Amino acid sequence: MNKQTIASAALATIIASGVIAAPASAAGSKEKCYGVAAAGQNDCGNLAGTHSCAGQSTLDNHPGEWKLVPKGTCTDIGGMLKAEAKRKYEESKKG
């Protein structure tokens, strides 16, 4: 057998054994945690809709910016789940 065939067989075995988890299964073990992202370290779009990409936050710990964290750890690290973050964000807009 050549090296490419051996490598392909090894990779197929690893994937079939579940050692490499599929992204969908990983997503179920994470949750969006608002208010914990450092500037430029957010994972995606914000509550305000002013950007839709990762790395575009401009303030540390802004309540509208989020990071994915292991499910159940958000409040332990000082963050908020979406409902609370939306409420705080709306309050901050009122002045």
Protein backbone atom coordinates (compact mmCIF):
# COMPACT_ATOMS: atom_id res chain seq x y z
CA MET A 1 0.00 0.00 0.00
CA ASN A 2 1.20 3.49 -0.68
CA LYS A 3 1.42 6.25 1.94
CA GLN A 4 -1.67 8.10 0.70
CA THR A 5 -3.84 4.98 0.96
CA ILE A 6 -2.57 4.28 4.49
CA ALA A 7 -3.20 7.88 5.56
CA SER A 8 -6.71 7.84 4.07
CA ALA A 9 -7.54 4.59 5.83
CA ALA A 10 -6.24 5.90 9.14
CA LEU A 11 -8.26 9.11 8.84
CA ALA A 12 -11.42 7.16 7.96
CA THR A 13 -10.91 4.97 11.02
CA ILE A 14 -10.46 7.99 13.31
CA ILE A 15 -13.58 9.72 11.96
CA ALA A 16 -15.66 6.54 12.20
CA SER A 17 -14.56 5.97 15.80
CA GLY A 18 -15.86 9.39 16.84
CA VAL A 19 -12.47 10.75 17.90
CA ILE A 20 -13.08 13.74 15.64
CA ALA A 21 -16.40 15.23 16.72
CA ALA A 22 -18.69 16.79 14.18
CA PRO A 23 -19.28 20.54 14.56
CA ALA A 24 -23.00 19.99 15.18
CA SER A 25 -22.32 17.91 18.27
CA ALA A 26 -19.85 20.49 19.56
CA ALA A 27 -22.38 23.29 19.11
CA GLY A 28 -24.76 21.61 21.56
CA SER A 29 -22.17 21.78 24.31
CA LYS A 30 -21.59 25.53 23.95
CA GLU A 31 -23.65 28.68 24.49
CA LYS A 32 -23.38 32.34 23.59
CA CYS A 33 -22.09 34.32 26.56
CA TYR A 34 -22.60 38.08 26.33
CA GLY A 35 -20.45 40.71 28.02
CA VAL A 36 -17.23 38.69 28.29
CA ALA A 37 -15.54 39.35 24.94
CA ALA A 38 -12.44 41.53 24.91
CA ALA A 39 -12.22 44.15 22.15
CA GLY A 40 -11.56 42.37 18.88
CA GLN A 41 -12.22 38.94 20.41
CA ASN A 42 -15.99 38.51 19.85
CA ASP A 43 -17.16 35.38 18.05
CA CYS A 44 -19.70 36.88 15.65
CA GLY A 45 -22.31 39.63 15.14
CA ASN A 46 -23.57 41.77 18.01
CA LEU A 47 -27.01 42.52 19.42
CA ALA A 48 -27.05 46.01 17.89
CA GLY A 49 -26.54 44.66 14.39
CA THR A 50 -23.71 47.12 13.74
CA HIS A 51 -21.43 44.28 12.61
CA SER A 52 -21.85 40.65 11.70
CA CYS A 53 -18.34 39.27 11.95
CA ALA A 54 -15.95 37.90 14.52
CA GLY A 55 -13.23 40.19 15.80
CA GLN A 56 -15.08 43.45 15.20
CA SER A 57 -15.97 44.44 18.78
CA THR A 58 -14.37 47.70 19.87
CA LEU A 59 -14.94 47.62 23.64
CA ASP A 60 -14.03 45.10 26.32
CA ASN A 61 -16.97 43.27 27.94
CA HIS A 62 -19.67 45.10 25.99
CA PRO A 63 -23.07 43.53 26.81
CA GLY A 64 -23.94 43.25 23.11
CA GLU A 65 -20.86 41.21 22.18
CA TRP A 66 -20.49 37.49 22.81
CA LYS A 67 -18.14 34.50 22.91
CA LEU A 68 -19.00 30.81 22.79
CA VAL A 69 -18.30 29.17 26.14
CA PRO A 70 -18.96 25.70 27.55
CA LYS A 71 -22.67 25.37 28.37
CA GLY A 72 -23.43 26.27 31.98
CA THR A 73 -20.33 28.40 32.58
CA CYS A 74 -21.41 31.82 31.29
CA THR A 75 -22.68 33.33 34.53
CA ASP A 76 -19.77 31.76 36.44
CA ILE A 77 -17.34 33.88 34.40
CA GLY A 78 -19.39 37.05 34.80
CA GLY A 79 -21.33 36.91 31.55
CA MET A 80 -24.99 37.01 30.61
CA LEU A 81 -27.23 34.84 28.50
CA LYS A 82 -29.05 36.50 25.59
CA ALA A 83 -32.27 37.58 27.38
CA GLU A 84 -30.38 39.42 30.11
CA ALA A 85 -27.90 40.91 27.63
CA LYS A 86 -30.75 42.24 25.46
CA ARG A 87 -32.38 43.84 28.50
CA LYS A 88 -29.12 45.50 29.61
CA TYR A 89 -28.36 46.64 26.08
CA GLU A 90 -31.81 48.23 25.71
CA GLU A 91 -31.41 49.95 29.10
CA SER A 92 -28.02 51.34 28.07
CA LYS A 93 -29.55 52.89 24.92
CA LYS A 94 -32.10 54.78 27.02
CA GLY A 95 -29.35 56.65 28.77
